[in-house]
Amino acid sequence: MNNKLYVGNLSYDTGEAKLRELFSPAGTIRSVAIPMDRMTNKPRGFAFVEMESGADALKAIKLCNGQTVDGREIKVNEAKPMENRSSGGDTRRNDQNRW
């Protein structure tokens, strides 16, 4: 299993410290990334948490998926690699759940 997790349905008030507190019982956390909207400079409502190992990531999914954090039921699953984007055409993209 990949050790990078997608955390969705986050409150805009949820920060890195809260995510570290939530995920730390599952094991060692390598990194937490909360993407920001370029226009508003506010969180986009999702994050990526990288655990030390695949086993820690699996444990984190079991412990954290469905938990209520800052009033929102979060979704936690394995992050999928970002797909290659072409240089032209449609500028819309859905990069949630992608790293």
Protein backbone atom coordinates (compact mmCIF):
# COMPACT_ATOMS: atom_id res chain seq x y z
CA MET A 1 0.00 0.00 0.00
CA ASN A 2 1.07 3.56 -0.74
CA ASN A 3 1.97 5.55 2.38
CA LYS A 4 0.41 8.81 1.12
CA LEU A 5 -3.21 9.45 2.10
CA TYR A 6 -5.90 11.75 0.76
CA VAL A 7 -8.03 13.40 3.46
CA GLY A 8 -11.25 14.86 2.08
CA ASN A 9 -14.24 16.86 3.32
CA LEU A 10 -12.08 18.95 5.65
CA SER A 11 -13.37 22.08 7.30
CA TYR A 12 -11.54 25.19 6.12
CA ASP A 13 -10.65 25.69 9.80
CA THR A 14 -8.74 22.39 10.08
CA GLY A 15 -5.00 22.98 10.16
CA GLU A 16 -1.83 20.93 10.12
CA ALA A 17 -1.60 20.63 13.92
CA LYS A 18 -5.11 19.14 14.11
CA LEU A 19 -4.31 16.61 11.37
CA ARG A 20 -1.06 15.60 13.06
CA GLU A 21 -2.95 15.10 16.32
CA LEU A 22 -5.59 12.98 14.57
CA PHE A 23 -3.18 10.79 12.57
CA SER A 24 -0.35 10.34 15.10
CA PRO A 25 -1.98 7.36 16.91
CA ALA A 26 -1.63 5.42 13.64
CA GLY A 27 2.15 5.85 13.47
CA THR A 28 4.87 8.23 12.38
CA ILE A 29 3.81 11.08 10.09
CA ARG A 30 6.32 12.12 7.43
CA SER A 31 4.42 15.16 6.14
CA VAL A 32 1.11 16.99 6.03
CA ALA A 33 0.14 19.16 3.04
CA ILE A 34 -2.98 21.31 2.86
CA PRO A 35 -3.37 22.73 -0.67
CA MET A 36 -4.45 26.36 -0.84
CA ASP A 37 -6.66 28.02 -3.43
CA ARG A 38 -4.54 30.32 -5.61
CA MET A 39 -7.21 33.00 -5.88
CA THR A 40 -8.39 33.21 -2.26
CA ASN A 41 -5.32 31.81 -0.47
CA LYS A 42 -7.68 29.71 1.66
CA PRO A 43 -7.58 25.92 2.14
CA ARG A 44 -9.28 23.88 -0.59
CA GLY A 45 -10.99 21.46 1.82
CA PHE A 46 -8.65 18.50 1.49
CA ALA A 47 -5.15 17.49 2.54
CA PHE A 48 -2.47 14.87 2.02
CA VAL A 49 -0.89 13.04 4.94
CA GLU A 50 2.18 10.92 4.31
CA MET A 51 2.81 8.18 6.84
CA GLU A 52 6.14 6.45 7.51
CA SER A 53 5.00 3.11 6.10
CA GLY A 54 2.20 1.45 4.20
CA ALA A 55 1.19 -0.36 7.39
CA ASP A 56 0.88 2.98 9.21
CA ALA A 57 -1.17 4.35 6.32
CA LEU A 58 -3.56 1.40 6.45
CA LYS A 59 -3.92 1.82 10.20
CA ALA A 60 -4.59 5.56 9.73
CA ILE A 61 -7.38 4.82 7.24
CA LYS A 62 -9.01 2.45 9.71
CA LEU A 63 -8.66 4.88 12.63
CA CYS A 64 -9.49 8.17 10.91
CA ASN A 65 -11.91 7.53 8.04
CA GLY A 66 -15.38 8.70 9.07
CA GLN A 67 -14.15 10.65 12.10
CA THR A 68 -15.80 14.02 12.76
CA VAL A 69 -13.21 16.80 12.73
CA ASP A 70 -14.24 20.43 13.20
CA GLY A 71 -17.85 19.49 12.50
CA ARG A 72 -17.18 17.55 9.26
CA GLU A 73 -17.05 13.79 8.67
CA ILE A 74 -13.72 13.30 6.93
CA LYS A 75 -12.90 10.76 4.25
CA VAL A 76 -9.49 9.12 4.32
CA ASN A 77 -8.15 6.85 1.60
CA GLU A 78 -5.00 6.08 -0.34
CA ALA A 79 -3.90 9.00 -2.51
CA LYS A 80 -3.66 8.32 -6.21
CA PRO A 81 -0.80 9.67 -8.32
CA MET A 82 -1.59 12.87 -10.21
CA GLU A 83 -2.44 12.17 -13.84
CA ASN A 84 -0.41 13.78 -16.61
CA ARG A 85 -2.11 16.85 -18.00
CA SER A 86 -1.89 17.97 -21.61
CA SER A 87 -0.56 21.46 -22.32
CA GLY A 88 -3.67 22.65 -24.15
CA GLY A 89 -7.42 22.35 -24.16
CA ASP A 90 -9.60 22.26 -21.10
CA THR A 91 -8.10 24.25 -18.21
CA ARG A 92 -10.52 22.79 -15.67
CA ARG A 93 -9.15 20.01 -13.57
CA ASN A 94 -10.16 17.78 -10.74
CA ASP A 95 -6.99 17.10 -8.81
CA GLN A 96 -8.62 16.12 -5.55
CA ASN A 97 -7.38 12.77 -4.33
CA ARG A 98 -4.28 13.19 -6.49
CA TRP A 99 -0.76 14.07 -5.37
